[in-house]
Amino acid sequence: MKCPFCNAADTKVIDSRPADDNSSIRRRRQCETCGKRFTTYEKLETMPLMVIKKDNSRETYDRAKIEAGIIHSCHKRPVSTQQINSMIDSIETEIFNREEREIETSAIGELVMKKLKDLDEVAYVRFASVYREFKDVNTFMEEISKLLKK
C-alpha cells in the first residue's frame, strides 16, 4: 500500500479490525519512510450485479437508488440514519446471498417493502404508493386496511 503523504511503497499494518458493518476490515498503517499513519478499508470485491428494470432494460446495481427511495419515504418520520443504513445493509446481504448476476427491480422493491413494514408503517405505505403505482384512493385504502388487519 502506498503512503498517501510521501508515495513510498513501504508501509506496515499496525492494527486490523472489522469495520462498523462487519463486511470490511479497517487497517491502521504506518509509513516506513516518513512515519505518518493512515487508515485503509478492505472490502470483499463482488461480481457486478445487474438490475432488470420493468421495461426489461438492464443497469448495474446502485445502492444509492435504494437509499434515496427509503430516505424519501422516511422523510419526517422517527427513523434514524443508522436504522436506514442497517436496513439497506440487510437488503444488500439478502440480494448478494442469492448469488445471482441479475435481479429484477420487483424483487428489490419487495425486499424494501418487507423491511420498511417492520421499521415504520407510514414509511412503508409511502414507499408502496410509489412502488406499486397506486392509481386512486381506493388502492391506497386497500393497502392501509391490510396493515390494520395485522
N, C-alpha and C. Protein backbone atom coordinates (compact mmCIF):
# COMPACT_ATOMS: atom_id res chain seq x y z
N MET A 1 0.85 -1.17 0.00
CA MET A 1 0.00 0.00 0.00
C MET A 1 0.89 1.24 0.00
N LYS A 2 0.64 2.15 -0.92
CA LYS A 2 1.44 3.38 -1.00
C LYS A 2 1.03 4.37 0.08
N CYS A 3 1.99 5.08 0.59
CA CYS A 3 1.73 6.13 1.58
C CYS A 3 1.09 7.32 0.87
N PRO A 4 -0.05 7.83 1.38
CA PRO A 4 -0.71 8.96 0.72
C PRO A 4 0.05 10.28 0.92
N PHE A 5 1.04 10.30 1.82
CA PHE A 5 1.78 11.52 2.10
C PHE A 5 3.06 11.64 1.28
N CYS A 6 3.83 10.54 1.22
CA CYS A 6 5.11 10.63 0.51
C CYS A 6 5.21 9.66 -0.68
N ASN A 7 4.16 8.87 -0.92
CA ASN A 7 4.11 7.91 -2.01
C ASN A 7 5.10 6.75 -1.90
N ALA A 8 5.67 6.56 -0.74
CA ALA A 8 6.58 5.42 -0.54
C ALA A 8 5.77 4.13 -0.52
N ALA A 9 6.37 3.05 -1.00
CA ALA A 9 5.67 1.78 -1.08
C ALA A 9 5.80 0.96 0.21
N ASP A 10 6.68 1.37 1.11
CA ASP A 10 6.91 0.60 2.34
C ASP A 10 6.00 1.09 3.46
N THR A 11 4.93 0.35 3.71
CA THR A 11 4.05 0.66 4.84
C THR A 11 3.82 -0.62 5.61
N LYS A 12 3.56 -0.46 6.90
CA LYS A 12 3.27 -1.65 7.70
C LYS A 12 1.91 -1.49 8.38
N VAL A 13 1.26 -2.62 8.60
CA VAL A 13 -0.04 -2.63 9.27
C VAL A 13 0.21 -2.61 10.77
N ILE A 14 -0.40 -1.64 11.44
CA ILE A 14 -0.27 -1.51 12.89
C ILE A 14 -1.43 -2.20 13.60
N ASP A 15 -2.63 -2.05 13.04
CA ASP A 15 -3.83 -2.59 13.68
C ASP A 15 -4.84 -2.97 12.61
N SER A 16 -5.52 -4.11 12.79
CA SER A 16 -6.60 -4.54 11.91
C SER A 16 -7.81 -4.90 12.76
N ARG A 17 -8.97 -4.46 12.30
CA ARG A 17 -10.21 -4.84 13.00
C ARG A 17 -11.37 -4.72 12.04
N PRO A 18 -12.47 -5.43 12.33
CA PRO A 18 -13.64 -5.31 11.46
C PRO A 18 -14.19 -3.88 11.50
N ALA A 19 -14.68 -3.41 10.36
CA ALA A 19 -15.29 -2.08 10.30
C ALA A 19 -16.70 -2.17 10.86
N ASP A 20 -17.41 -1.05 10.89
CA ASP A 20 -18.72 -0.95 11.51
C ASP A 20 -19.71 -2.01 11.04
N ASP A 21 -19.75 -2.27 9.74
CA ASP A 21 -20.76 -3.17 9.20
C ASP A 21 -20.32 -4.63 9.17
N ASN A 22 -19.12 -4.93 9.64
CA ASN A 22 -18.57 -6.29 9.67
C ASN A 22 -18.40 -6.92 8.28
N SER A 23 -18.50 -6.12 7.23
CA SER A 23 -18.28 -6.66 5.90
C SER A 23 -16.99 -6.10 5.30
N SER A 24 -16.27 -5.33 6.08
CA SER A 24 -15.00 -4.80 5.63
C SER A 24 -14.02 -4.76 6.81
N ILE A 25 -12.75 -4.56 6.49
CA ILE A 25 -11.71 -4.52 7.52
C ILE A 25 -11.05 -3.15 7.51
N ARG A 26 -10.92 -2.59 8.69
CA ARG A 26 -10.26 -1.31 8.87
C ARG A 26 -8.82 -1.59 9.29
N ARG A 27 -7.86 -0.99 8.58
CA ARG A 27 -6.45 -1.20 8.91
C ARG A 27 -5.77 0.15 9.17
N ARG A 28 -5.06 0.23 10.28
CA ARG A 28 -4.21 1.39 10.55
C ARG A 28 -2.83 1.02 10.04
N ARG A 29 -2.25 1.91 9.26
CA ARG A 29 -0.94 1.66 8.66
C ARG A 29 0.01 2.80 9.02
N GLN A 30 1.29 2.47 8.96
CA GLN A 30 2.33 3.48 9.19
C GLN A 30 3.36 3.38 8.09
N CYS A 31 3.73 4.53 7.57
CA CYS A 31 4.75 4.57 6.51
C CYS A 31 6.13 4.36 7.12
N GLU A 32 6.90 3.47 6.52
CA GLU A 32 8.26 3.18 6.99
C GLU A 32 9.21 4.34 6.67
N THR A 33 8.88 5.13 5.66
CA THR A 33 9.77 6.21 5.23
C THR A 33 9.53 7.50 6.02
N CYS A 34 8.30 8.01 6.02
CA CYS A 34 8.02 9.29 6.68
C CYS A 34 7.44 9.14 8.09
N GLY A 35 6.97 7.92 8.43
CA GLY A 35 6.46 7.67 9.78
C GLY A 35 5.01 8.08 10.01
N LYS A 36 4.36 8.67 9.01
CA LYS A 36 2.96 9.10 9.20
C LYS A 36 2.03 7.90 9.16
N ARG A 37 0.89 8.06 9.84
CA ARG A 37 -0.11 6.98 9.91
C ARG A 37 -1.34 7.33 9.09
N PHE A 38 -2.00 6.30 8.56
CA PHE A 38 -3.23 6.49 7.81
C PHE A 38 -4.08 5.24 7.92
N THR A 39 -5.34 5.37 7.55
CA THR A 39 -6.29 4.26 7.65
C THR A 39 -6.73 3.81 6.26
N THR A 40 -6.84 2.50 6.08
CA THR A 40 -7.39 1.95 4.84
C THR A 40 -8.53 1.01 5.19
N TYR A 41 -9.41 0.80 4.24
CA TYR A 41 -10.51 -0.14 4.41
C TYR A 41 -10.44 -1.17 3.30
N GLU A 42 -10.59 -2.42 3.67
CA GLU A 42 -10.58 -3.53 2.73
C GLU A 42 -11.98 -4.09 2.66
N LYS A 43 -12.50 -4.24 1.45
CA LYS A 43 -13.84 -4.77 1.28
C LYS A 43 -13.79 -5.87 0.23
N LEU A 44 -14.58 -6.91 0.44
CA LEU A 44 -14.65 -8.01 -0.49
C LEU A 44 -15.19 -7.51 -1.83
N GLU A 45 -14.49 -7.85 -2.89
CA GLU A 45 -14.95 -7.44 -4.22
C GLU A 45 -15.97 -8.45 -4.71
N THR A 46 -17.13 -7.93 -5.08
CA THR A 46 -18.20 -8.80 -5.55
C THR A 46 -18.35 -8.65 -7.06
N MET A 47 -18.97 -9.64 -7.66
CA MET A 47 -19.23 -9.55 -9.08
C MET A 47 -20.30 -8.50 -9.31
N PRO A 48 -20.21 -7.76 -10.41
CA PRO A 48 -21.22 -6.73 -10.64
C PRO A 48 -22.61 -7.34 -10.79
N LEU A 49 -23.56 -6.73 -10.13
CA LEU A 49 -24.94 -7.20 -10.15
C LEU A 49 -25.72 -6.33 -11.12
N MET A 50 -26.46 -6.97 -12.01
CA MET A 50 -27.29 -6.24 -12.96
C MET A 50 -28.73 -6.26 -12.48
N VAL A 51 -29.39 -5.12 -12.61
CA VAL A 51 -30.78 -4.98 -12.21
C VAL A 51 -31.63 -4.94 -13.47
N ILE A 52 -32.65 -5.81 -13.51
CA ILE A 52 -33.56 -5.86 -14.65
C ILE A 52 -34.75 -4.97 -14.33
N LYS A 53 -34.91 -3.91 -15.10
CA LYS A 53 -35.97 -2.94 -14.85
C LYS A 53 -37.29 -3.42 -15.46
N LYS A 54 -38.38 -2.70 -15.17
CA LYS A 54 -39.71 -3.09 -15.65
C LYS A 54 -39.78 -3.19 -17.17
N ASP A 55 -39.03 -2.33 -17.87
CA ASP A 55 -39.05 -2.36 -19.34
C ASP A 55 -38.03 -3.35 -19.92
N ASN A 56 -37.50 -4.23 -19.07
CA ASN A 56 -36.50 -5.24 -19.42
C ASN A 56 -35.12 -4.70 -19.77
N SER A 57 -34.90 -3.40 -19.57
CA SER A 57 -33.55 -2.88 -19.74
C SER A 57 -32.74 -3.26 -18.51
N ARG A 58 -31.43 -3.20 -18.63
CA ARG A 58 -30.56 -3.60 -17.53
C ARG A 58 -29.61 -2.47 -17.19
N GLU A 59 -29.33 -2.34 -15.89
CA GLU A 59 -28.32 -1.39 -15.44
C GLU A 59 -27.63 -1.98 -14.22
N THR A 60 -26.45 -1.47 -13.91
CA THR A 60 -25.72 -2.00 -12.76
C THR A 60 -26.41 -1.59 -11.46
N TYR A 61 -26.29 -2.45 -10.47
CA TYR A 61 -26.89 -2.21 -9.16
C TYR A 61 -26.29 -0.94 -8.55
N ASP A 62 -27.15 -0.12 -7.96
CA ASP A 62 -26.71 1.12 -7.35
C ASP A 62 -27.36 1.28 -5.98
N ARG A 63 -26.58 1.13 -4.93
CA ARG A 63 -27.10 1.25 -3.56
C ARG A 63 -27.78 2.59 -3.33
N ALA A 64 -27.25 3.63 -3.94
CA ALA A 64 -27.78 4.99 -3.75
C ALA A 64 -29.25 5.10 -4.16
N LYS A 65 -29.68 4.31 -5.14
CA LYS A 65 -31.07 4.37 -5.57
C LYS A 65 -32.00 3.82 -4.50
N ILE A 66 -31.61 2.72 -3.87
CA ILE A 66 -32.41 2.16 -2.78
C ILE A 66 -32.42 3.15 -1.62
N GLU A 67 -31.26 3.69 -1.32
CA GLU A 67 -31.13 4.64 -0.22
C GLU A 67 -32.01 5.86 -0.44
N ALA A 68 -32.02 6.40 -1.64
CA ALA A 68 -32.83 7.59 -1.93
C ALA A 68 -34.32 7.30 -1.75
N GLY A 69 -34.77 6.15 -2.22
CA GLY A 69 -36.18 5.79 -2.07
C GLY A 69 -36.59 5.62 -0.62
N ILE A 70 -35.73 5.00 0.15
CA ILE A 70 -36.03 4.78 1.57
C ILE A 70 -36.00 6.11 2.33
N ILE A 71 -35.00 6.93 2.07
CA ILE A 71 -34.91 8.23 2.75
C ILE A 71 -36.13 9.08 2.43
N HIS A 72 -36.54 9.05 1.18
CA HIS A 72 -37.72 9.83 0.76
C HIS A 72 -38.98 9.35 1.49
N SER A 73 -39.14 8.05 1.61
CA SER A 73 -40.33 7.52 2.28
C SER A 73 -40.28 7.71 3.79
N CYS A 74 -39.09 7.86 4.36
CA CYS A 74 -38.94 8.05 5.80
C CYS A 74 -38.87 9.53 6.20
N HIS A 75 -39.08 10.41 5.24
CA HIS A 75 -39.00 11.85 5.50
C HIS A 75 -39.95 12.25 6.62
N LYS A 76 -39.41 12.95 7.61
CA LYS A 76 -40.16 13.42 8.79
C LYS A 76 -40.78 12.29 9.61
N ARG A 77 -40.13 11.15 9.59
CA ARG A 77 -40.55 10.00 10.40
C ARG A 77 -39.46 9.75 11.44
N PRO A 78 -39.81 9.11 12.55
CA PRO A 78 -38.80 8.86 13.60
C PRO A 78 -37.89 7.67 13.27
N VAL A 79 -37.20 7.79 12.15
CA VAL A 79 -36.30 6.73 11.69
C VAL A 79 -34.91 7.34 11.57
N SER A 80 -33.94 6.75 12.26
CA SER A 80 -32.58 7.31 12.25
C SER A 80 -31.81 6.88 11.00
N THR A 81 -30.76 7.62 10.74
CA THR A 81 -29.86 7.28 9.62
C THR A 81 -29.26 5.90 9.85
N GLN A 82 -28.92 5.59 11.10
CA GLN A 82 -28.36 4.27 11.43
C GLN A 82 -29.35 3.16 11.09
N GLN A 83 -30.63 3.36 11.40
CA GLN A 83 -31.65 2.36 11.09
C GLN A 83 -31.76 2.17 9.58
N ILE A 84 -31.72 3.27 8.84
CA ILE A 84 -31.81 3.19 7.37
C ILE A 84 -30.61 2.44 6.82
N ASN A 85 -29.40 2.78 7.28
CA ASN A 85 -28.19 2.11 6.80
C ASN A 85 -28.19 0.62 7.15
N SER A 86 -28.65 0.29 8.35
CA SER A 86 -28.73 -1.13 8.75
C SER A 86 -29.72 -1.87 7.87
N MET A 87 -30.83 -1.23 7.55
CA MET A 87 -31.84 -1.86 6.70
C MET A 87 -31.28 -2.08 5.29
N ILE A 88 -30.58 -1.10 4.76
CA ILE A 88 -30.01 -1.23 3.42
C ILE A 88 -28.94 -2.33 3.42
N ASP A 89 -28.12 -2.38 4.47
CA ASP A 89 -27.12 -3.45 4.58
C ASP A 89 -27.79 -4.82 4.59
N SER A 90 -28.89 -4.93 5.32
CA SER A 90 -29.64 -6.19 5.39
C SER A 90 -30.21 -6.57 4.03
N ILE A 91 -30.76 -5.58 3.32
CA ILE A 91 -31.31 -5.81 1.98
C ILE A 91 -30.21 -6.27 1.04
N GLU A 92 -29.07 -5.57 1.09
CA GLU A 92 -27.95 -5.94 0.21
C GLU A 92 -27.45 -7.35 0.52
N THR A 93 -27.40 -7.71 1.79
CA THR A 93 -26.96 -9.05 2.17
C THR A 93 -27.88 -10.09 1.54
N GLU A 94 -29.19 -9.86 1.63
CA GLU A 94 -30.14 -10.79 1.02
C GLU A 94 -29.98 -10.86 -0.49
N ILE A 95 -29.77 -9.71 -1.12
CA ILE A 95 -29.61 -9.67 -2.58
C ILE A 95 -28.36 -10.44 -3.00
N PHE A 96 -27.23 -10.15 -2.35
CA PHE A 96 -25.97 -10.77 -2.76
C PHE A 96 -25.88 -12.24 -2.33
N ASN A 97 -26.62 -12.63 -1.30
CA ASN A 97 -26.62 -14.04 -0.90
C ASN A 97 -27.36 -14.93 -1.90
N ARG A 98 -28.12 -14.33 -2.77
CA ARG A 98 -28.79 -15.12 -3.83
C ARG A 98 -27.79 -15.66 -4.83
N GLU A 99 -26.63 -15.04 -4.88
CA GLU A 99 -25.55 -15.45 -5.77
C GLU A 99 -25.99 -15.50 -7.23
N GLU A 100 -26.82 -14.55 -7.61
CA GLU A 100 -27.24 -14.42 -9.00
C GLU A 100 -26.60 -13.16 -9.57
N ARG A 101 -26.41 -13.16 -10.86
CA ARG A 101 -25.79 -12.00 -11.51
C ARG A 101 -26.82 -10.94 -11.89
N GLU A 102 -28.11 -11.33 -11.90
CA GLU A 102 -29.17 -10.40 -12.25
C GLU A 102 -30.32 -10.54 -11.25
N ILE A 103 -30.98 -9.40 -11.00
CA ILE A 103 -32.13 -9.41 -10.11
C ILE A 103 -33.14 -8.39 -10.66
N GLU A 104 -34.41 -8.71 -10.55
CA GLU A 104 -35.44 -7.80 -11.04
C GLU A 104 -35.72 -6.72 -10.02
N THR A 105 -36.11 -5.55 -10.50
CA THR A 105 -36.43 -4.45 -9.59
C THR A 105 -37.59 -4.83 -8.68
N SER A 106 -38.48 -5.68 -9.16
CA SER A 106 -39.62 -6.09 -8.33
C SER A 106 -39.15 -6.85 -7.09
N ALA A 107 -38.13 -7.67 -7.23
CA ALA A 107 -37.60 -8.42 -6.09
C ALA A 107 -36.97 -7.46 -5.07
N ILE A 108 -36.24 -6.47 -5.58
CA ILE A 108 -35.64 -5.47 -4.69
C ILE A 108 -36.73 -4.67 -3.99
N GLY A 109 -37.73 -4.25 -4.75
CA GLY A 109 -38.84 -3.48 -4.18
C GLY A 109 -39.57 -4.23 -3.09
N GLU A 110 -39.80 -5.52 -3.30
CA GLU A 110 -40.49 -6.34 -2.29
C GLU A 110 -39.65 -6.46 -1.02
N LEU A 111 -38.33 -6.61 -1.18
CA LEU A 111 -37.45 -6.67 -0.01
C LEU A 111 -37.50 -5.36 0.77
N VAL A 112 -37.45 -4.24 0.05
CA VAL A 112 -37.51 -2.93 0.70
C VAL A 112 -38.82 -2.78 1.45
N MET A 113 -39.93 -3.16 0.81
CA MET A 113 -41.23 -3.01 1.46
C MET A 113 -41.34 -3.89 2.70
N LYS A 114 -40.81 -5.11 2.62
CA LYS A 114 -40.84 -6.02 3.77
C LYS A 114 -40.09 -5.41 4.96
N LYS A 115 -38.93 -4.85 4.69
CA LYS A 115 -38.12 -4.25 5.76
C LYS A 115 -38.76 -2.97 6.29
N LEU A 116 -39.32 -2.15 5.39
CA LEU A 116 -39.97 -0.91 5.82
C LEU A 116 -41.21 -1.19 6.66
N LYS A 117 -41.93 -2.24 6.32
CA LYS A 117 -43.14 -2.58 7.07
C LYS A 117 -42.79 -2.87 8.53
N ASP A 118 -41.67 -3.52 8.76
CA ASP A 118 -41.23 -3.82 10.12
C ASP A 118 -40.69 -2.58 10.83
N LEU A 119 -40.12 -1.66 10.07
CA LEU A 119 -39.49 -0.48 10.65
C LEU A 119 -40.49 0.64 10.95
N ASP A 120 -41.29 1.02 9.95
CA ASP A 120 -42.21 2.14 10.11
C ASP A 120 -43.34 1.99 9.10
N GLU A 121 -44.56 1.82 9.59
CA GLU A 121 -45.69 1.54 8.70
C GLU A 121 -46.04 2.71 7.79
N VAL A 122 -45.87 3.94 8.26
CA VAL A 122 -46.15 5.11 7.42
C VAL A 122 -45.15 5.17 6.26
N ALA A 123 -43.88 4.94 6.57
CA ALA A 123 -42.86 4.92 5.52
C ALA A 123 -43.15 3.79 4.53
N TYR A 124 -43.62 2.66 5.05
CA TYR A 124 -43.99 1.53 4.19
C TYR A 124 -45.09 1.93 3.21
N VAL A 125 -46.15 2.59 3.71
CA VAL A 125 -47.26 2.98 2.84
C VAL A 125 -46.80 4.01 1.81
N ARG A 126 -45.94 4.93 2.24
CA ARG A 126 -45.40 5.92 1.29
C ARG A 126 -44.62 5.24 0.17
N PHE A 127 -43.74 4.32 0.55
CA PHE A 127 -42.94 3.61 -0.44
C PHE A 127 -43.83 2.78 -1.36
N ALA A 128 -44.79 2.07 -0.76
CA ALA A 128 -45.69 1.21 -1.54
C ALA A 128 -46.53 2.02 -2.51
N SER A 129 -46.94 3.22 -2.12
CA SER A 129 -47.77 4.04 -3.01
C SER A 129 -47.03 4.41 -4.29
N VAL A 130 -45.73 4.63 -4.18
CA VAL A 130 -44.94 4.93 -5.37
C VAL A 130 -44.56 3.64 -6.10
N TYR A 131 -44.08 2.65 -5.35
CA TYR A 131 -43.60 1.42 -5.94
C TYR A 131 -44.72 0.66 -6.66
N ARG A 132 -45.87 0.55 -6.01
CA ARG A 132 -46.99 -0.20 -6.61
C ARG A 132 -47.87 0.68 -7.49
N GLU A 133 -47.47 1.93 -7.63
CA GLU A 133 -48.16 2.88 -8.51
C GLU A 133 -49.66 2.93 -8.23
N PHE A 134 -50.00 3.29 -6.99
CA PHE A 134 -51.41 3.40 -6.63
C PHE A 134 -52.09 4.37 -7.60
N LYS A 135 -53.20 3.93 -8.20
CA LYS A 135 -53.89 4.73 -9.20
C LYS A 135 -54.94 5.66 -8.58
N ASP A 136 -55.51 5.23 -7.44
CA ASP A 136 -56.55 6.04 -6.83
C ASP A 136 -56.58 5.82 -5.32
N VAL A 137 -57.49 6.51 -4.66
CA VAL A 137 -57.59 6.44 -3.21
C VAL A 137 -58.01 5.04 -2.76
N ASN A 138 -58.83 4.35 -3.54
CA ASN A 138 -59.28 3.01 -3.16
C ASN A 138 -58.11 2.04 -3.02
N THR A 139 -57.18 2.10 -3.93
CA THR A 139 -56.00 1.24 -3.86
C THR A 139 -55.20 1.56 -2.60
N PHE A 140 -55.08 2.84 -2.31
CA PHE A 140 -54.38 3.30 -1.12
C PHE A 140 -55.08 2.77 0.13
N MET A 141 -56.39 2.84 0.17
CA MET A 141 -57.17 2.39 1.32
C MET A 141 -57.07 0.87 1.49
N GLU A 142 -57.01 0.13 0.39
CA GLU A 142 -56.87 -1.32 0.47
C GLU A 142 -55.56 -1.69 1.17
N GLU A 143 -54.49 -0.99 0.83
CA GLU A 143 -53.19 -1.26 1.44
C GLU A 143 -53.21 -0.94 2.92
N ILE A 144 -53.84 0.15 3.28
CA ILE A 144 -53.93 0.54 4.69
C ILE A 144 -54.80 -0.46 5.46
N SER A 145 -55.87 -0.93 4.85
CA SER A 145 -56.73 -1.91 5.54
C SER A 145 -55.99 -3.22 5.78
N LYS A 146 -55.09 -3.59 4.86
CA LYS A 146 -54.27 -4.80 5.08
C LYS A 146 -53.38 -4.62 6.31
N LEU A 147 -52.83 -3.41 6.47
CA LEU A 147 -52.00 -3.12 7.64
C LEU A 147 -52.81 -3.16 8.93
N LEU A 148 -54.02 -2.63 8.88
CA LEU A 148 -54.85 -2.58 10.08
C LEU A 148 -55.32 -3.95 10.52
N LYS A 149 -55.47 -4.89 9.57
CA LYS A 149 -55.90 -6.24 9.92
C LYS A 149 -54.84 -6.98 10.72
N LYS A 150 -53.57 -6.61 10.54
CA LYS A 150 -52.48 -7.33 11.21
C LYS A 150 -52.22 -6.81 12.54
